[in-house]
Amino acid sequence: MVRRGGKVVLVGMIASQSCAVPFNQMTTREIDLISTFRQNGVFACSAQMLVSGAVDPRPILTGAFELADVQAAFSASFDSERRLKVLLNGPAG
């Protein structure tokens, strides 16, 4: 889907442990692959978008846990076959 000589940016992590990448096609079409795990300086903007309702996180939310269940929440977050994003609820108020 990228043009010859274009760039593809992989943001975050791949859901599975393996991912087929067509390196031969990328080489012959001179496509650059750039990966990044975190974006610098976007947390505050992202949080504001969630708070304001500009972004609805429900489509990617695959689990929600109370603060008392933090260990279960972290365990679930590492289950990349069944989980995409896990929410940890803090105390109300």
PDB file of N, CA and C in Angstrom:
ATOM      1  N   MET A   1       0.813  -1.202   0.000  1.00  0.00           N
ATOM      2  CA  MET A   1       0.000   0.000   0.000  1.00  0.00           C
ATOM      3  C   MET A   1       0.854   1.263   0.000  1.00  0.00           C
ATOM      4  N   VAL A   2       2.137   1.141   0.237  1.00  0.00           N
ATOM      5  CA  VAL A   2       3.002   2.319   0.265  1.00  0.00           C
ATOM      6  C   VAL A   2       3.646   2.500  -1.114  1.00  0.00           C
ATOM      7  N   ARG A   3       3.880   3.737  -1.495  1.00  0.00           N
ATOM      8  CA  ARG A   3       4.469   4.021  -2.811  1.00  0.00           C
ATOM      9  C   ARG A   3       5.943   3.626  -2.842  1.00  0.00           C
ATOM     10  N   ARG A   4       6.468   3.462  -4.030  1.00  0.00           N
ATOM     11  CA  ARG A   4       7.898   3.182  -4.203  1.00  0.00           C
ATOM     12  C   ARG A   4       8.704   4.303  -3.549  1.00  0.00           C
ATOM     13  N   GLY A   5       9.685   3.917  -2.738  1.00  0.00           N
ATOM     14  CA  GLY A   5      10.507   4.895  -2.050  1.00  0.00           C
ATOM     15  C   GLY A   5       9.855   5.479  -0.807  1.00  0.00           C
ATOM     16  N   GLY A   6       8.682   4.942  -0.415  1.00  0.00           N
ATOM     17  CA  GLY A   6       7.950   5.467   0.733  1.00  0.00           C
ATOM     18  C   GLY A   6       8.457   4.933   2.062  1.00  0.00           C
ATOM     19  N   LYS A   7       7.809   5.346   3.107  1.00  0.00           N
ATOM     20  CA  LYS A   7       8.170   4.929   4.467  1.00  0.00           C
ATOM     21  C   LYS A   7       6.948   4.321   5.140  1.00  0.00           C
ATOM     22  N   VAL A   8       7.177   3.257   5.908  1.00  0.00           N
ATOM     23  CA  VAL A   8       6.146   2.626   6.724  1.00  0.00           C
ATOM     24  C   VAL A   8       6.609   2.749   8.161  1.00  0.00           C
ATOM     25  N   VAL A   9       5.723   3.234   9.044  1.00  0.00           N
ATOM     26  CA  VAL A   9       6.066   3.391  10.454  1.00  0.00           C
ATOM     27  C   VAL A   9       5.214   2.431  11.266  1.00  0.00           C
ATOM     28  N   LEU A  10       5.869   1.562  11.994  1.00  0.00           N
ATOM     29  CA  LEU A  10       5.210   0.626  12.900  1.00  0.00           C
ATOM     30  C   LEU A  10       5.223   1.263  14.280  1.00  0.00           C
ATOM     31  N   VAL A  11       4.033   1.625  14.781  1.00  0.00           N
ATOM     32  CA  VAL A  11       3.918   2.277  16.078  1.00  0.00           C
ATOM     33  C   VAL A  11       3.389   1.262  17.081  1.00  0.00           C
ATOM     34  N   GLY A  12       4.097   1.066  18.167  1.00  0.00           N
ATOM     35  CA  GLY A  12       3.660   0.127  19.193  1.00  0.00           C
ATOM     36  C   GLY A  12       4.205  -1.264  18.952  1.00  0.00           C
ATOM     37  N   MET A  13       3.394  -2.244  19.300  1.00  0.00           N
ATOM     38  CA  MET A  13       3.846  -3.627  19.223  1.00  0.00           C
ATOM     39  C   MET A  13       2.916  -4.430  18.327  1.00  0.00           C
ATOM     40  N   ILE A  14       3.459  -5.483  17.739  1.00  0.00           N
ATOM     41  CA  ILE A  14       2.680  -6.407  16.932  1.00  0.00           C
ATOM     42  C   ILE A  14       1.985  -7.378  17.876  1.00  0.00           C
ATOM     43  N   ALA A  15       0.735  -7.725  17.573  1.00  0.00           N
ATOM     44  CA  ALA A  15      -0.063  -8.558  18.482  1.00  0.00           C
ATOM     45  C   ALA A  15       0.495  -9.961  18.691  1.00  0.00           C
ATOM     46  N   SER A  16       1.206 -10.503  17.735  1.00  0.00           N
ATOM     47  CA  SER A  16       1.725 -11.857  17.891  1.00  0.00           C
ATOM     48  C   SER A  16       3.249 -11.830  17.966  1.00  0.00           C
ATOM     49  N   GLN A  17       3.828 -12.973  18.270  1.00  0.00           N
ATOM     50  CA  GLN A  17       5.286 -13.075  18.388  1.00  0.00           C
ATOM     51  C   GLN A  17       5.979 -13.099  17.035  1.00  0.00           C
ATOM     52  N   SER A  18       5.247 -13.406  15.964  1.00  0.00           N
ATOM     53  CA  SER A  18       5.866 -13.448  14.639  1.00  0.00           C
ATOM     54  C   SER A  18       5.029 -12.627  13.663  1.00  0.00           C
ATOM     55  N   CYS A  19       5.720 -12.061  12.701  1.00  0.00           N
ATOM     56  CA  CYS A  19       5.052 -11.231  11.703  1.00  0.00           C
ATOM     57  C   CYS A  19       5.821 -11.370  10.387  1.00  0.00           C
ATOM     58  N   ALA A  20       5.126 -11.769   9.354  1.00  0.00           N
ATOM     59  CA  ALA A  20       5.768 -11.915   8.046  1.00  0.00           C
ATOM     60  C   ALA A  20       5.968 -10.533   7.427  1.00  0.00           C
ATOM     61  N   VAL A  21       7.194 -10.218   7.115  1.00  0.00           N
ATOM     62  CA  VAL A  21       7.525  -8.931   6.496  1.00  0.00           C
ATOM     63  C   VAL A  21       8.132  -9.222   5.130  1.00  0.00           C
ATOM     64  N   PRO A  22       7.582  -8.643   4.060  1.00  0.00           N
ATOM     65  CA  PRO A  22       8.090  -8.907   2.702  1.00  0.00           C
ATOM     66  C   PRO A  22       9.356  -8.097   2.394  1.00  0.00           C
ATOM     67  N   PHE A  23      10.468  -8.509   3.006  1.00  0.00           N
ATOM     68  CA  PHE A  23      11.705  -7.740   2.854  1.00  0.00           C
ATOM     69  C   PHE A  23      12.179  -7.642   1.404  1.00  0.00           C
ATOM     70  N   ASN A  24      12.010  -8.698   0.609  1.00  0.00           N
ATOM     71  CA  ASN A  24      12.439  -8.628  -0.794  1.00  0.00           C
ATOM     72  C   ASN A  24      11.669  -7.547  -1.545  1.00  0.00           C
ATOM     73  N   GLN A  25      10.352  -7.486  -1.347  1.00  0.00           N
ATOM     74  CA  GLN A  25       9.553  -6.440  -1.998  1.00  0.00           C
ATOM     75  C   GLN A  25       9.928  -5.061  -1.475  1.00  0.00           C
ATOM     76  N   MET A  26      10.202  -4.967  -0.184  1.00  0.00           N
ATOM     77  CA  MET A  26      10.586  -3.684   0.387  1.00  0.00           C
ATOM     78  C   MET A  26      11.913  -3.204  -0.192  1.00  0.00           C
ATOM     79  N   THR A  27      12.830  -4.143  -0.385  1.00  0.00           N
ATOM     80  CA  THR A  27      14.140  -3.785  -0.934  1.00  0.00           C
ATOM     81  C   THR A  27      14.022  -3.339  -2.389  1.00  0.00           C
ATOM     82  N   THR A  28      13.310  -4.111  -3.209  1.00  0.00           N
ATOM     83  CA  THR A  28      13.216  -3.757  -4.629  1.00  0.00           C
ATOM     84  C   THR A  28      12.413  -2.479  -4.853  1.00  0.00           C
ATOM     85  N   ARG A  29      11.481  -2.168  -3.948  1.00  0.00           N
ATOM     86  CA  ARG A  29      10.697  -0.939  -4.061  1.00  0.00           C
ATOM     87  C   ARG A  29      11.284   0.195  -3.229  1.00  0.00           C
ATOM     88  N   GLU A  30      12.426  -0.062  -2.557  1.00  0.00           N
ATOM     89  CA  GLU A  30      13.139   0.937  -1.756  1.00  0.00           C
ATOM     90  C   GLU A  30      12.239   1.563  -0.688  1.00  0.00           C
ATOM     91  N   ILE A  31      11.560   0.703   0.065  1.00  0.00           N
ATOM     92  CA  ILE A  31      10.664   1.146   1.132  1.00  0.00           C
ATOM     93  C   ILE A  31      11.410   1.104   2.460  1.00  0.00           C
ATOM     94  N   ASP A  32      11.291   2.160   3.242  1.00  0.00           N
ATOM     95  CA  ASP A  32      11.905   2.224   4.564  1.00  0.00           C
ATOM     96  C   ASP A  32      10.905   1.766   5.614  1.00  0.00           C
ATOM     97  N   LEU A  33      11.347   0.906   6.529  1.00  0.00           N
ATOM     98  CA  LEU A  33      10.525   0.468   7.651  1.00  0.00           C
ATOM     99  C   LEU A  33      11.102   1.082   8.918  1.00  0.00           C
ATOM    100  N   ILE A  34      10.276   1.845   9.612  1.00  0.00           N
ATOM    101  CA  ILE A  34      10.695   2.511  10.837  1.00  0.00           C
ATOM    102  C   ILE A  34       9.791   1.997  11.961  1.00  0.00           C
ATOM    103  N   SER A  35      10.391   1.614  13.074  1.00  0.00           N
ATOM    104  CA  SER A  35       9.571   1.154  14.194  1.00  0.00           C
ATOM    105  C   SER A  35       9.805   2.053  15.404  1.00  0.00           C
ATOM    106  N   THR A  36       8.760   2.203  16.186  1.00  0.00           N
ATOM    107  CA  THR A  36       8.848   2.998  17.406  1.00  0.00           C
ATOM    108  C   THR A  36       7.899   2.405  18.435  1.00  0.00           C
ATOM    109  N   PHE A  37       8.301   2.387  19.673  1.00  0.00           N
ATOM    110  CA  PHE A  37       7.471   1.823  20.732  1.00  0.00           C
ATOM    111  C   PHE A  37       6.679   2.909  21.454  1.00  0.00           C
ATOM    112  N   ARG A  38       7.251   4.042  21.651  1.00  0.00           N
ATOM    113  CA  ARG A  38       6.588   5.165  22.336  1.00  0.00           C
ATOM    114  C   ARG A  38       6.787   6.430  21.504  1.00  0.00           C
ATOM    115  N   GLN A  39       5.806   7.286  21.555  1.00  0.00           N
ATOM    116  CA  GLN A  39       5.898   8.572  20.876  1.00  0.00           C
ATOM    117  C   GLN A  39       6.219   9.646  21.906  1.00  0.00           C
ATOM    118  N   ASN A  40       7.219  10.431  21.647  1.00  0.00           N
ATOM    119  CA  ASN A  40       7.663  11.464  22.573  1.00  0.00           C
ATOM    120  C   ASN A  40       6.670  12.623  22.619  1.00  0.00           C
ATOM    121  N   GLY A  41       6.202  12.928  23.817  1.00  0.00           N
ATOM    122  CA  GLY A  41       5.386  14.119  23.999  1.00  0.00           C
ATOM    123  C   GLY A  41       3.925  14.001  23.599  1.00  0.00           C
ATOM    124  N   VAL A  42       3.410  12.809  23.329  1.00  0.00           N
ATOM    125  CA  VAL A  42       2.019  12.710  22.911  1.00  0.00           C
ATOM    126  C   VAL A  42       1.087  12.229  24.021  1.00  0.00           C
ATOM    127  N   PHE A  43       1.624  11.857  25.188  1.00  0.00           N
ATOM    128  CA  PHE A  43       0.779  11.326  26.246  1.00  0.00           C
ATOM    129  C   PHE A  43      -0.259  12.341  26.703  1.00  0.00           C
ATOM    130  N   ALA A  44       0.158  13.570  26.982  1.00  0.00           N
ATOM    131  CA  ALA A  44      -0.776  14.592  27.474  1.00  0.00           C
ATOM    132  C   ALA A  44      -1.883  14.862  26.456  1.00  0.00           C
ATOM    133  N   CYS A  45      -1.521  14.944  25.194  1.00  0.00           N
ATOM    134  CA  CYS A  45      -2.512  15.183  24.135  1.00  0.00           C
ATOM    135  C   CYS A  45      -3.471  13.998  24.036  1.00  0.00           C
ATOM    136  N   SER A  46      -2.947  12.797  24.097  1.00  0.00           N
ATOM    137  CA  SER A  46      -3.786  11.592  24.025  1.00  0.00           C
ATOM    138  C   SER A  46      -4.735  11.519  25.206  1.00  0.00           C
ATOM    139  N   ALA A  47      -4.239  11.808  26.398  1.00  0.00           N
ATOM    140  CA  ALA A  47      -5.080  11.783  27.597  1.00  0.00           C
ATOM    141  C   ALA A  47      -6.206  12.819  27.479  1.00  0.00           C
ATOM    142  N   GLN A  48      -5.902  13.994  26.982  1.00  0.00           N
ATOM    143  CA  GLN A  48      -6.915  15.033  26.816  1.00  0.00           C
ATOM    144  C   GLN A  48      -7.977  14.605  25.808  1.00  0.00           C
ATOM    145  N   MET A  49      -7.565  13.924  24.749  1.00  0.00           N
ATOM    146  CA  MET A  49      -8.530  13.439  23.752  1.00  0.00           C
ATOM    147  C   MET A  49      -9.474  12.407  24.359  1.00  0.00           C
ATOM    148  N   LEU A  50      -8.953  11.567  25.250  1.00  0.00           N
ATOM    149  CA  LEU A  50      -9.803  10.589  25.936  1.00  0.00           C
ATOM    150  C   LEU A  50     -10.774  11.279  26.882  1.00  0.00           C
ATOM    151  N   VAL A  51     -10.262  12.229  27.673  1.00  0.00           N
ATOM    152  CA  VAL A  51     -11.092  12.939  28.651  1.00  0.00           C
ATOM    153  C   VAL A  51     -12.191  13.745  27.957  1.00  0.00           C
ATOM    154  N   SER A  52     -11.866  14.381  26.853  1.00  0.00           N
ATOM    155  CA  SER A  52     -12.843  15.225  26.156  1.00  0.00           C
ATOM    156  C   SER A  52     -13.859  14.422  25.356  1.00  0.00           C
ATOM    157  N   GLY A  53     -13.583  13.140  25.145  1.00  0.00           N
ATOM    158  CA  GLY A  53     -14.499  12.318  24.359  1.00  0.00           C
ATOM    159  C   GLY A  53     -14.210  12.345  22.871  1.00  0.00           C
ATOM    160  N   ALA A  54     -13.132  12.995  22.469  1.00  0.00           N
ATOM    161  CA  ALA A  54     -12.773  13.048  21.049  1.00  0.00           C
ATOM    162  C   ALA A  54     -12.394  11.671  20.516  1.00  0.00           C
ATOM    163  N   VAL A  55     -11.917  10.809  21.396  1.00  0.00           N
ATOM    164  CA  VAL A  55     -11.537   9.448  21.027  1.00  0.00           C
ATOM    165  C   VAL A  55     -12.304   8.478  21.917  1.00  0.00           C
ATOM    166  N   ASP A  56     -12.901   7.468  21.308  1.00  0.00           N
ATOM    167  CA  ASP A  56     -13.625   6.433  22.047  1.00  0.00           C
ATOM    168  C   ASP A  56     -12.737   5.196  22.127  1.00  0.00           C
ATOM    169  N   PRO A  57     -12.228   4.842  23.312  1.00  0.00           N
ATOM    170  CA  PRO A  57     -11.308   3.713  23.428  1.00  0.00           C
ATOM    171  C   PRO A  57     -11.992   2.340  23.449  1.00  0.00           C
ATOM    172  N   ARG A  58     -13.319   2.319  23.523  1.00  0.00           N
ATOM    173  CA  ARG A  58     -14.020   1.042  23.684  1.00  0.00           C
ATOM    174  C   ARG A  58     -13.728   0.005  22.603  1.00  0.00           C
ATOM    175  N   PRO A  59     -13.543   0.386  21.341  1.00  0.00           N
ATOM    176  CA  PRO A  59     -13.280  -0.645  20.334  1.00  0.00           C
ATOM    177  C   PRO A  59     -11.989  -1.449  20.569  1.00  0.00           C
ATOM    178  N   ILE A  60     -11.014  -0.874  21.266  1.00  0.00           N
ATOM    179  CA  ILE A  60      -9.766  -1.613  21.499  1.00  0.00           C
ATOM    180  C   ILE A  60      -9.623  -2.114  22.929  1.00  0.00           C
ATOM    181  N   LEU A  61     -10.573  -1.767  23.791  1.00  0.00           N
ATOM    182  CA  LEU A  61     -10.511  -2.187  25.193  1.00  0.00           C
ATOM    183  C   LEU A  61     -10.970  -3.638  25.308  1.00  0.00           C
ATOM    184  N   THR A  62     -10.072  -4.508  25.741  1.00  0.00           N
ATOM    185  CA  THR A  62     -10.377  -5.941  25.812  1.00  0.00           C
ATOM    186  C   THR A  62     -10.364  -6.473  27.235  1.00  0.00           C
ATOM    187  N   GLY A  63     -10.293  -5.602  28.207  1.00  0.00           N
ATOM    188  CA  GLY A  63     -10.342  -6.034  29.602  1.00  0.00           C
ATOM    189  C   GLY A  63     -10.291  -4.835  30.531  1.00  0.00           C
ATOM    190  N   ALA A  64     -11.006  -4.939  31.653  1.00  0.00           N
ATOM    191  CA  ALA A  64     -10.999  -3.881  32.665  1.00  0.00           C
ATOM    192  C   ALA A  64     -10.898  -4.536  34.035  1.00  0.00           C
ATOM    193  N   PHE A  65     -10.030  -4.003  34.881  1.00  0.00           N
ATOM    194  CA  PHE A  65      -9.770  -4.565  36.200  1.00  0.00           C
ATOM    195  C   PHE A  65      -9.775  -3.459  37.237  1.00  0.00           C
ATOM    196  N   GLU A  66     -10.185  -3.800  38.440  1.00  0.00           N
ATOM    197  CA  GLU A  66     -10.126  -2.863  39.558  1.00  0.00           C
ATOM    198  C   GLU A  66      -8.692  -2.800  40.068  1.00  0.00           C
ATOM    199  N   LEU A  67      -8.353  -1.712  40.736  1.00  0.00           N
ATOM    200  CA  LEU A  67      -7.004  -1.501  41.240  1.00  0.00           C
ATOM    201  C   LEU A  67      -6.551  -2.648  42.151  1.00  0.00           C
ATOM    202  N   ALA A  68      -7.472  -3.210  42.910  1.00  0.00           N
ATOM    203  CA  ALA A  68      -7.132  -4.324  43.802  1.00  0.00           C
ATOM    204  C   ALA A  68      -6.698  -5.567  43.026  1.00  0.00           C
ATOM    205  N   ASP A  69      -7.072  -5.642  41.740  1.00  0.00           N
ATOM    206  CA  ASP A  69      -6.724  -6.786  40.890  1.00  0.00           C
ATOM    207  C   ASP A  69      -5.568  -6.455  39.945  1.00  0.00           C
ATOM    208  N   VAL A  70      -4.652  -5.619  40.412  1.00  0.00           N
ATOM    209  CA  VAL A  70      -3.563  -5.157  39.549  1.00  0.00           C
ATOM    210  C   VAL A  70      -2.718  -6.304  39.001  1.00  0.00           C
ATOM    211  N   GLN A  71      -2.476  -7.323  39.793  1.00  0.00           N
ATOM    212  CA  GLN A  71      -1.671  -8.448  39.312  1.00  0.00           C
ATOM    213  C   GLN A  71      -2.378  -9.163  38.156  1.00  0.00           C
ATOM    214  N   ALA A  72      -3.675  -9.382  38.281  1.00  0.00           N
ATOM    215  CA  ALA A  72      -4.443 -10.017  37.209  1.00  0.00           C
ATOM    216  C   ALA A  72      -4.464  -9.128  35.960  1.00  0.00           C
ATOM    217  N   ALA A  73      -4.543  -7.822  36.165  1.00  0.00           N
ATOM    218  CA  ALA A  73      -4.548  -6.888  35.035  1.00  0.00           C
ATOM    219  C   ALA A  73      -3.242  -6.964  34.262  1.00  0.00           C
ATOM    220  N   PHE A  74      -2.123  -6.968  34.971  1.00  0.00           N
ATOM    221  CA  PHE A  74      -0.830  -7.057  34.289  1.00  0.00           C
ATOM    222  C   PHE A  74      -0.665  -8.406  33.595  1.00  0.00           C
ATOM    223  N   SER A  75      -1.096  -9.468  34.233  1.00  0.00           N
ATOM    224  CA  SER A  75      -1.025 -10.788  33.592  1.00  0.00           C
ATOM    225  C   SER A  75      -1.850 -10.802  32.310  1.00  0.00           C
ATOM    226  N   ALA A  76      -3.051 -10.244  32.375  1.00  0.00           N
ATOM    227  CA  ALA A  76      -3.915 -10.193  31.193  1.00  0.00           C
ATOM    228  C   ALA A  76      -3.292  -9.355  30.083  1.00  0.00           C
ATOM    229  N   SER A  77      -2.614  -8.269  30.459  1.00  0.00           N
ATOM    230  CA  SER A  77      -2.039  -7.382  29.442  1.00  0.00           C
ATOM    231  C   SER A  77      -0.946  -8.057  28.623  1.00  0.00           C
ATOM    232  N   PHE A  78      -0.341  -9.112  29.157  1.00  0.00           N
ATOM    233  CA  PHE A  78       0.705  -9.826  28.428  1.00  0.00           C
ATOM    234  C   PHE A  78       0.142 -10.960  27.575  1.00  0.00           C
ATOM    235  N   ASP A  79      -1.160 -11.178  27.596  1.00  0.00           N
ATOM    236  CA  ASP A  79      -1.811 -12.208  26.790  1.00  0.00           C
ATOM    237  C   ASP A  79      -2.185 -11.612  25.438  1.00  0.00           C
ATOM    238  N   SER A  80      -1.199 -11.459  24.561  1.00  0.00           N
ATOM    239  CA  SER A  80      -1.409 -10.757  23.296  1.00  0.00           C
ATOM    240  C   SER A  80      -2.304 -11.515  22.321  1.00  0.00           C
ATOM    241  N   GLU A  81      -2.543 -12.778  22.572  1.00  0.00           N
ATOM    242  CA  GLU A  81      -3.451 -13.531  21.698  1.00  0.00           C
ATOM    243  C   GLU A  81      -4.909 -13.172  21.976  1.00  0.00           C
ATOM    244  N   ARG A  82      -5.223 -12.754  23.206  1.00  0.00           N
ATOM    245  CA  ARG A  82      -6.608 -12.458  23.583  1.00  0.00           C
ATOM    246  C   ARG A  82      -6.829 -11.005  23.978  1.00  0.00           C
ATOM    247  N   ARG A  83      -5.781 -10.251  24.254  1.00  0.00           N
ATOM    248  CA  ARG A  83      -5.932  -8.878  24.759  1.00  0.00           C
ATOM    249  C   ARG A  83      -5.247  -7.877  23.840  1.00  0.00           C
ATOM    250  N   LEU A  84      -5.891  -6.737  23.676  1.00  0.00           N
ATOM    251  CA  LEU A  84      -5.285  -5.638  22.946  1.00  0.00           C
ATOM    252  C   LEU A  84      -4.902  -4.535  23.933  1.00  0.00           C
ATOM    253  N   LYS A  85      -5.881  -4.005  24.653  1.00  0.00           N
ATOM    254  CA  LYS A  85      -5.629  -2.987  25.675  1.00  0.00           C
ATOM    255  C   LYS A  85      -6.406  -3.351  26.934  1.00  0.00           C
ATOM    256  N   VAL A  86      -5.751  -3.224  28.066  1.00  0.00           N
ATOM    257  CA  VAL A  86      -6.358  -3.542  29.357  1.00  0.00           C
ATOM    258  C   VAL A  86      -6.423  -2.267  30.184  1.00  0.00           C
ATOM    259  N   LEU A  87      -7.576  -2.029  30.785  1.00  0.00           N
ATOM    260  CA  LEU A  87      -7.810  -0.840  31.602  1.00  0.00           C
ATOM    261  C   LEU A  87      -7.718  -1.205  33.075  1.00  0.00           C
ATOM    262  N   LEU A  88      -7.005  -0.397  33.828  1.00  0.00           N
ATOM    263  CA  LEU A  88      -6.910  -0.562  35.273  1.00  0.00           C
ATOM    264  C   LEU A  88      -7.664   0.599  35.910  1.00  0.00           C
ATOM    265  N   ASN A  89      -8.787   0.304  36.547  1.00  0.00           N
ATOM    266  CA  ASN A  89      -9.629   1.337  37.164  1.00  0.00           C
ATOM    267  C   ASN A  89      -9.089   1.721  38.535  1.00  0.00           C
ATOM    268  N   GLY A  90      -8.911   3.008  38.757  1.00  0.00           N
ATOM    269  CA  GLY A  90      -8.491   3.504  40.059  1.00  0.00           C
ATOM    270  C   GLY A  90      -9.693   3.773  40.929  1.00  0.00           C
ATOM    271  N   PRO A  91      -9.471   4.294  42.122  1.00  0.00           N
ATOM    272  CA  PRO A  91     -10.591   4.602  43.019  1.00  0.00           C
ATOM    273  C   PRO A  91     -11.491   5.675  42.410  1.00  0.00           C
ATOM    274  N   ALA A  92     -12.788   5.552  42.599  1.00  0.00           N
ATOM    275  CA  ALA A  92     -13.746   6.523  42.076  1.00  0.00           C
ATOM    276  C   ALA A  92     -13.610   7.859  42.813  1.00  0.00           C
ATOM    277  N   GLY A  93     -13.872   8.925  42.081  1.00  0.00           N
ATOM    278  CA  GLY A  93     -13.874  10.234  42.724  1.00  0.00           C
ATOM    279  C   GLY A  93     -12.577  10.881  42.595  1.00  0.00           C
TER     280      GLY A  93
END
